[in-house]
Amino acid sequence: MFLTLNKAGIVERWKSRVRQLKVETYTLYLAYRDPRVPWYAKVFAACVVGYAFSPIDLIPEFIPVLGYLDDLVLVPLGIALALKMMPKAVLEECRRQAEASLSQDRPRSWVAGGVIVSIWLLAIAVIIVTVVRTIDR
């Protein structure tokens, strides 16, 4: 007896999980801005959201298997940990806002995008300067 896979069902489950991940990421973004959230949770949430929305990955996708490791494991794990640090009341409010916002339109923050790109460019510049100084010695 062969096991038959319902490809449409698998695709729909993945789409559902990706949508939930988007909602949770945006929930963290909204919660991080709430004054009722402790400072350590804000810092961790900002790092997770920044990394999740960053166009540059810690491990590039062209590296087989490992390239998707951060997207499949690190980001969901970071989101799960950050959500555990947040007060329940704040999470409920922010989750409702995130679901409502994502059902209408995609949230955009050009300032946040600019900050993330600037941080990555600064990190790349520091690496380049360090490598050049090491080679010159």
N, C-alpha and C. Protein backbone atom coordinates (compact mmCIF):
# COMPACT_ATOMS: atom_id res chain seq x y z
N MET A 1 0.84 -1.17 0.00
CA MET A 1 0.00 0.00 0.00
C MET A 1 0.89 1.25 0.00
N PHE A 2 0.65 2.15 -0.92
CA PHE A 2 1.44 3.36 -1.03
C PHE A 2 0.74 4.53 -0.36
N LEU A 3 1.54 5.36 0.21
CA LEU A 3 1.02 6.55 0.87
C LEU A 3 0.89 7.66 -0.17
N THR A 4 -0.28 8.20 -0.31
CA THR A 4 -0.48 9.28 -1.27
C THR A 4 -0.45 10.61 -0.54
N LEU A 5 0.21 11.55 -1.12
CA LEU A 5 0.32 12.87 -0.53
C LEU A 5 -0.61 13.84 -1.25
N ASN A 6 -1.32 14.58 -0.51
CA ASN A 6 -2.19 15.60 -1.07
C ASN A 6 -1.38 16.89 -1.17
N LYS A 7 -0.85 17.15 -2.36
CA LYS A 7 0.02 18.32 -2.55
C LYS A 7 -0.70 19.62 -2.25
N ALA A 8 -1.94 19.71 -2.63
CA ALA A 8 -2.70 20.95 -2.37
C ALA A 8 -2.84 21.18 -0.87
N GLY A 9 -3.06 20.12 -0.12
CA GLY A 9 -3.18 20.24 1.34
C GLY A 9 -1.88 20.69 1.98
N ILE A 10 -0.78 20.15 1.52
CA ILE A 10 0.53 20.53 2.05
C ILE A 10 0.82 22.00 1.75
N VAL A 11 0.55 22.40 0.53
CA VAL A 11 0.79 23.80 0.13
C VAL A 11 -0.08 24.74 0.97
N GLU A 12 -1.31 24.38 1.18
CA GLU A 12 -2.21 25.23 1.98
C GLU A 12 -1.75 25.33 3.42
N ARG A 13 -1.25 24.21 3.98
CA ARG A 13 -0.74 24.24 5.36
C ARG A 13 0.48 25.15 5.45
N TRP A 14 1.38 25.09 4.47
CA TRP A 14 2.56 25.95 4.48
C TRP A 14 2.17 27.41 4.32
N LYS A 15 1.21 27.67 3.44
CA LYS A 15 0.74 29.06 3.27
C LYS A 15 0.15 29.58 4.58
N SER A 16 -0.59 28.73 5.27
CA SER A 16 -1.19 29.12 6.54
C SER A 16 -0.11 29.42 7.58
N ARG A 17 0.91 28.57 7.62
CA ARG A 17 2.00 28.78 8.58
C ARG A 17 2.78 30.05 8.26
N VAL A 18 3.02 30.31 6.99
CA VAL A 18 3.74 31.53 6.59
C VAL A 18 2.92 32.76 6.96
N ARG A 19 1.62 32.71 6.71
CA ARG A 19 0.75 33.83 7.08
C ARG A 19 0.78 34.06 8.59
N GLN A 20 0.72 32.97 9.37
CA GLN A 20 0.77 33.11 10.82
C GLN A 20 2.10 33.69 11.28
N LEU A 21 3.18 33.30 10.61
CA LEU A 21 4.50 33.84 10.94
C LEU A 21 4.55 35.34 10.65
N LYS A 22 3.94 35.77 9.56
CA LYS A 22 3.87 37.20 9.25
C LYS A 22 3.08 37.95 10.32
N VAL A 23 1.95 37.36 10.73
CA VAL A 23 1.13 38.00 11.76
C VAL A 23 1.92 38.12 13.06
N GLU A 24 2.60 37.05 13.45
CA GLU A 24 3.36 37.07 14.70
C GLU A 24 4.53 38.06 14.63
N THR A 25 5.18 38.15 13.48
CA THR A 25 6.28 39.10 13.33
C THR A 25 5.77 40.53 13.45
N TYR A 26 4.65 40.82 12.79
CA TYR A 26 4.09 42.17 12.87
C TYR A 26 3.54 42.44 14.27
N THR A 27 3.03 41.41 14.93
CA THR A 27 2.58 41.54 16.32
C THR A 27 3.75 41.96 17.20
N LEU A 28 4.90 41.33 17.00
CA LEU A 28 6.10 41.70 17.77
C LEU A 28 6.50 43.14 17.49
N TYR A 29 6.41 43.54 16.23
CA TYR A 29 6.76 44.92 15.87
C TYR A 29 5.86 45.90 16.62
N LEU A 30 4.58 45.61 16.66
CA LEU A 30 3.64 46.50 17.35
C LEU A 30 3.87 46.45 18.86
N ALA A 31 4.12 45.27 19.40
CA ALA A 31 4.31 45.11 20.85
C ALA A 31 5.58 45.80 21.32
N TYR A 32 6.60 45.77 20.50
CA TYR A 32 7.87 46.37 20.87
C TYR A 32 7.72 47.88 21.10
N ARG A 33 6.75 48.47 20.45
CA ARG A 33 6.53 49.92 20.58
C ARG A 33 5.62 50.27 21.76
N ASP A 34 5.06 49.26 22.43
CA ASP A 34 4.14 49.48 23.54
C ASP A 34 4.91 49.78 24.83
N PRO A 35 4.51 50.82 25.57
CA PRO A 35 5.24 51.17 26.80
C PRO A 35 5.09 50.15 27.93
N ARG A 36 4.11 49.25 27.85
CA ARG A 36 3.91 48.25 28.90
C ARG A 36 4.86 47.06 28.79
N VAL A 37 5.62 47.01 27.71
CA VAL A 37 6.55 45.89 27.49
C VAL A 37 7.87 46.20 28.18
N PRO A 38 8.43 45.22 28.92
CA PRO A 38 9.72 45.45 29.59
C PRO A 38 10.84 45.72 28.58
N TRP A 39 11.85 46.45 29.01
CA TRP A 39 12.93 46.87 28.12
C TRP A 39 13.66 45.69 27.48
N TYR A 40 13.92 44.62 28.24
CA TYR A 40 14.64 43.48 27.69
C TYR A 40 13.84 42.78 26.60
N ALA A 41 12.52 42.75 26.76
CA ALA A 41 11.67 42.15 25.73
C ALA A 41 11.65 43.04 24.48
N LYS A 42 11.68 44.35 24.68
CA LYS A 42 11.73 45.28 23.55
C LYS A 42 13.01 45.10 22.74
N VAL A 43 14.14 44.99 23.44
CA VAL A 43 15.43 44.84 22.77
C VAL A 43 15.45 43.54 21.98
N PHE A 44 15.02 42.44 22.61
CA PHE A 44 15.01 41.15 21.92
C PHE A 44 14.05 41.16 20.73
N ALA A 45 12.85 41.71 20.94
CA ALA A 45 11.86 41.78 19.86
C ALA A 45 12.37 42.64 18.70
N ALA A 46 13.03 43.75 19.01
CA ALA A 46 13.57 44.61 17.95
C ALA A 46 14.62 43.86 17.13
N CYS A 47 15.45 43.08 17.79
CA CYS A 47 16.47 42.29 17.08
C CYS A 47 15.81 41.24 16.19
N VAL A 48 14.82 40.55 16.71
CA VAL A 48 14.15 39.50 15.94
C VAL A 48 13.41 40.10 14.74
N VAL A 49 12.65 41.16 14.97
CA VAL A 49 11.90 41.79 13.88
C VAL A 49 12.86 42.38 12.85
N GLY A 50 13.92 43.03 13.32
CA GLY A 50 14.91 43.58 12.40
C GLY A 50 15.53 42.51 11.53
N TYR A 51 15.86 41.38 12.13
CA TYR A 51 16.45 40.29 11.36
C TYR A 51 15.43 39.67 10.41
N ALA A 52 14.20 39.50 10.88
CA ALA A 52 13.16 38.90 10.03
C ALA A 52 12.86 39.77 8.81
N PHE A 53 12.87 41.10 8.99
CA PHE A 53 12.56 42.00 7.88
C PHE A 53 13.79 42.41 7.08
N SER A 54 14.97 42.02 7.56
CA SER A 54 16.20 42.41 6.90
C SER A 54 16.34 41.74 5.54
N PRO A 55 16.75 42.50 4.53
CA PRO A 55 16.94 41.89 3.21
C PRO A 55 18.22 41.05 3.13
N ILE A 56 19.07 41.15 4.14
CA ILE A 56 20.32 40.41 4.15
C ILE A 56 20.25 39.37 5.26
N ASP A 57 20.57 38.12 4.92
CA ASP A 57 20.51 37.03 5.89
C ASP A 57 21.87 36.76 6.50
N LEU A 58 21.85 36.21 7.70
CA LEU A 58 23.07 35.80 8.37
C LEU A 58 23.77 34.70 7.57
N ILE A 59 22.98 33.76 7.07
CA ILE A 59 23.50 32.67 6.24
C ILE A 59 22.86 32.83 4.86
N PRO A 60 23.64 33.15 3.82
CA PRO A 60 23.07 33.36 2.48
C PRO A 60 22.35 32.11 1.95
N GLU A 61 21.28 32.33 1.18
CA GLU A 61 20.47 31.22 0.67
C GLU A 61 21.21 30.33 -0.32
N PHE A 62 22.26 30.85 -0.96
CA PHE A 62 22.95 30.02 -1.96
C PHE A 62 23.78 28.91 -1.32
N ILE A 63 23.96 28.93 -0.01
CA ILE A 63 24.65 27.84 0.67
C ILE A 63 23.62 26.72 0.88
N PRO A 64 23.85 25.54 0.28
CA PRO A 64 22.86 24.46 0.35
C PRO A 64 22.47 24.12 1.79
N VAL A 65 21.23 23.89 2.01
CA VAL A 65 20.61 23.50 3.28
C VAL A 65 20.76 24.58 4.35
N LEU A 66 21.99 24.97 4.68
CA LEU A 66 22.22 25.96 5.73
C LEU A 66 21.64 27.32 5.38
N GLY A 67 21.53 27.62 4.10
CA GLY A 67 21.03 28.91 3.66
C GLY A 67 19.61 29.19 4.10
N TYR A 68 18.82 28.16 4.21
CA TYR A 68 17.42 28.32 4.63
C TYR A 68 17.23 28.04 6.11
N LEU A 69 18.30 27.64 6.79
CA LEU A 69 18.22 27.31 8.20
C LEU A 69 17.74 28.49 9.02
N ASP A 70 18.26 29.68 8.75
CA ASP A 70 17.85 30.84 9.53
C ASP A 70 16.37 31.16 9.31
N ASP A 71 15.90 31.05 8.08
CA ASP A 71 14.50 31.36 7.80
C ASP A 71 13.55 30.31 8.38
N LEU A 72 13.97 29.07 8.39
CA LEU A 72 13.10 27.98 8.84
C LEU A 72 13.19 27.70 10.33
N VAL A 73 14.33 28.03 10.95
CA VAL A 73 14.52 27.69 12.36
C VAL A 73 14.75 28.93 13.22
N LEU A 74 15.74 29.74 12.87
CA LEU A 74 16.13 30.85 13.73
C LEU A 74 15.04 31.91 13.88
N VAL A 75 14.43 32.30 12.79
CA VAL A 75 13.40 33.34 12.87
C VAL A 75 12.18 32.86 13.67
N PRO A 76 11.61 31.67 13.37
CA PRO A 76 10.48 31.21 14.19
C PRO A 76 10.85 31.01 15.67
N LEU A 77 12.06 30.52 15.93
CA LEU A 77 12.49 30.33 17.31
C LEU A 77 12.62 31.68 18.02
N GLY A 78 13.19 32.66 17.34
CA GLY A 78 13.30 34.00 17.91
C GLY A 78 11.95 34.62 18.19
N ILE A 79 11.03 34.43 17.26
CA ILE A 79 9.67 34.96 17.44
C ILE A 79 9.01 34.29 18.64
N ALA A 80 9.14 32.97 18.75
CA ALA A 80 8.53 32.24 19.86
C ALA A 80 9.09 32.72 21.20
N LEU A 81 10.40 32.91 21.28
CA LEU A 81 11.01 33.39 22.52
C LEU A 81 10.56 34.81 22.86
N ALA A 82 10.53 35.67 21.85
CA ALA A 82 10.11 37.06 22.08
C ALA A 82 8.66 37.13 22.54
N LEU A 83 7.81 36.29 21.96
CA LEU A 83 6.39 36.29 22.34
C LEU A 83 6.22 35.87 23.81
N LYS A 84 7.08 34.97 24.28
CA LYS A 84 7.00 34.52 25.67
C LYS A 84 7.40 35.63 26.65
N MET A 85 8.18 36.60 26.19
CA MET A 85 8.62 37.70 27.05
C MET A 85 7.57 38.81 27.17
N MET A 86 6.60 38.80 26.28
CA MET A 86 5.63 39.90 26.23
C MET A 86 4.46 39.65 27.18
N PRO A 87 3.91 40.72 27.76
CA PRO A 87 2.69 40.59 28.56
C PRO A 87 1.52 40.12 27.68
N LYS A 88 0.71 39.23 28.22
CA LYS A 88 -0.41 38.64 27.45
C LYS A 88 -1.38 39.69 26.93
N ALA A 89 -1.72 40.67 27.75
CA ALA A 89 -2.69 41.69 27.32
C ALA A 89 -2.17 42.48 26.12
N VAL A 90 -0.89 42.80 26.16
CA VAL A 90 -0.27 43.54 25.05
C VAL A 90 -0.29 42.68 23.79
N LEU A 91 0.06 41.40 23.94
CA LEU A 91 0.06 40.50 22.77
C LEU A 91 -1.31 40.38 22.15
N GLU A 92 -2.35 40.24 22.96
CA GLU A 92 -3.70 40.11 22.42
C GLU A 92 -4.09 41.35 21.61
N GLU A 93 -3.82 42.53 22.16
CA GLU A 93 -4.14 43.77 21.45
C GLU A 93 -3.34 43.89 20.14
N CYS A 94 -2.07 43.64 20.24
CA CYS A 94 -1.20 43.79 19.07
C CYS A 94 -1.51 42.74 18.01
N ARG A 95 -1.86 41.54 18.42
CA ARG A 95 -2.21 40.49 17.45
C ARG A 95 -3.47 40.88 16.68
N ARG A 96 -4.45 41.44 17.38
CA ARG A 96 -5.67 41.90 16.69
C ARG A 96 -5.34 43.00 15.70
N GLN A 97 -4.50 43.95 16.11
CA GLN A 97 -4.10 45.04 15.21
C GLN A 97 -3.33 44.49 14.01
N ALA A 98 -2.44 43.54 14.25
CA ALA A 98 -1.64 42.97 13.16
C ALA A 98 -2.52 42.24 12.16
N GLU A 99 -3.45 41.43 12.65
CA GLU A 99 -4.34 40.70 11.75
C GLU A 99 -5.19 41.65 10.93
N ALA A 100 -5.71 42.69 11.58
CA ALA A 100 -6.52 43.68 10.86
C ALA A 100 -5.69 44.41 9.82
N SER A 101 -4.49 44.80 10.18
CA SER A 101 -3.63 45.55 9.27
C SER A 101 -3.19 44.69 8.09
N LEU A 102 -2.80 43.45 8.37
CA LEU A 102 -2.33 42.57 7.29
C LEU A 102 -3.46 42.14 6.37
N SER A 103 -4.68 42.12 6.86
CA SER A 103 -5.80 41.74 5.98
C SER A 103 -6.15 42.89 5.04
N GLN A 104 -5.81 44.13 5.41
CA GLN A 104 -6.11 45.29 4.57
C GLN A 104 -4.98 45.62 3.62
N ASP A 105 -3.80 45.82 4.17
CA ASP A 105 -2.67 46.28 3.36
C ASP A 105 -1.39 45.88 4.07
N ARG A 106 -0.33 45.82 3.31
CA ARG A 106 0.97 45.49 3.90
C ARG A 106 1.51 46.70 4.65
N PRO A 107 2.02 46.47 5.87
CA PRO A 107 2.64 47.58 6.59
C PRO A 107 3.99 47.92 5.95
N ARG A 108 4.27 49.21 5.89
CA ARG A 108 5.54 49.65 5.31
C ARG A 108 6.16 50.68 6.24
N SER A 109 7.42 50.52 6.44
CA SER A 109 8.15 51.50 7.21
C SER A 109 9.47 51.74 6.51
N TRP A 110 9.54 52.82 5.76
CA TRP A 110 10.75 53.14 5.03
C TRP A 110 11.87 53.52 5.99
N VAL A 111 11.51 54.11 7.11
CA VAL A 111 12.52 54.48 8.10
C VAL A 111 13.17 53.22 8.67
N ALA A 112 12.35 52.26 9.06
CA ALA A 112 12.88 51.00 9.61
C ALA A 112 13.74 50.28 8.56
N GLY A 113 13.28 50.26 7.33
CA GLY A 113 14.05 49.64 6.26
C GLY A 113 15.39 50.34 6.05
N GLY A 114 15.37 51.67 6.11
CA GLY A 114 16.61 52.43 5.96
C GLY A 114 17.59 52.18 7.10
N VAL A 115 17.05 52.06 8.32
CA VAL A 115 17.90 51.78 9.48
C VAL A 115 18.54 50.40 9.33
N ILE A 116 17.76 49.41 8.93
CA ILE A 116 18.28 48.05 8.78
C ILE A 116 19.36 48.01 7.70
N VAL A 117 19.10 48.62 6.56
CA VAL A 117 20.10 48.64 5.49
C VAL A 117 21.35 49.38 5.95
N SER A 118 21.20 50.48 6.68
CA SER A 118 22.34 51.24 7.18
C SER A 118 23.19 50.41 8.14
N ILE A 119 22.54 49.66 9.01
CA ILE A 119 23.28 48.81 9.95
C ILE A 119 24.08 47.76 9.19
N TRP A 120 23.46 47.13 8.19
CA TRP A 120 24.18 46.13 7.41
C TRP A 120 25.34 46.75 6.63
N LEU A 121 25.14 47.93 6.06
CA LEU A 121 26.22 48.59 5.34
C LEU A 121 27.37 48.96 6.28
N LEU A 122 27.04 49.42 7.47
CA LEU A 122 28.06 49.74 8.46
C LEU A 122 28.84 48.48 8.85
N ALA A 123 28.12 47.37 9.05
CA ALA A 123 28.78 46.11 9.41
C ALA A 123 29.71 45.65 8.28
N ILE A 124 29.27 45.78 7.05
CA ILE A 124 30.10 45.40 5.90
C ILE A 124 31.33 46.30 5.82
N ALA A 125 31.16 47.60 6.05
CA ALA A 125 32.29 48.54 6.02
C ALA A 125 33.31 48.20 7.10
N VAL A 126 32.84 47.86 8.29
CA VAL A 126 33.75 47.48 9.38
C VAL A 126 34.53 46.22 9.01
N ILE A 127 33.86 45.25 8.42
CA ILE A 127 34.53 44.02 8.00
C ILE A 127 35.58 44.31 6.93
N ILE A 128 35.22 45.14 5.96
CA ILE A 128 36.16 45.47 4.88
C ILE A 128 37.38 46.20 5.45
N VAL A 129 37.18 47.17 6.32
CA VAL A 129 38.29 47.91 6.92
C VAL A 129 39.17 46.95 7.73
N THR A 130 38.57 46.06 8.48
CA THR A 130 39.34 45.09 9.27
C THR A 130 40.16 44.18 8.38
N VAL A 131 39.56 43.70 7.31
CA VAL A 131 40.29 42.82 6.38
C VAL A 131 41.44 43.56 5.71
N VAL A 132 41.20 44.79 5.27
CA VAL A 132 42.24 45.57 4.61
C VAL A 132 43.39 45.85 5.58
N ARG A 133 43.09 46.20 6.81
CA ARG A 133 44.14 46.46 7.81
C ARG A 133 44.93 45.19 8.12
N THR A 134 44.24 44.06 8.15
CA THR A 134 44.92 42.78 8.41
C THR A 134 45.83 42.41 7.25
N ILE A 135 45.40 42.66 6.04
CA ILE A 135 46.22 42.34 4.85
C ILE A 135 47.44 43.24 4.79
N ASP A 136 47.31 44.52 5.15
CA ASP A 136 48.41 45.48 5.09
C ASP A 136 49.52 45.18 6.11
N ARG A 137 49.22 44.45 7.14
CA ARG A 137 50.23 44.15 8.16
C ARG A 137 51.16 43.15 7.67
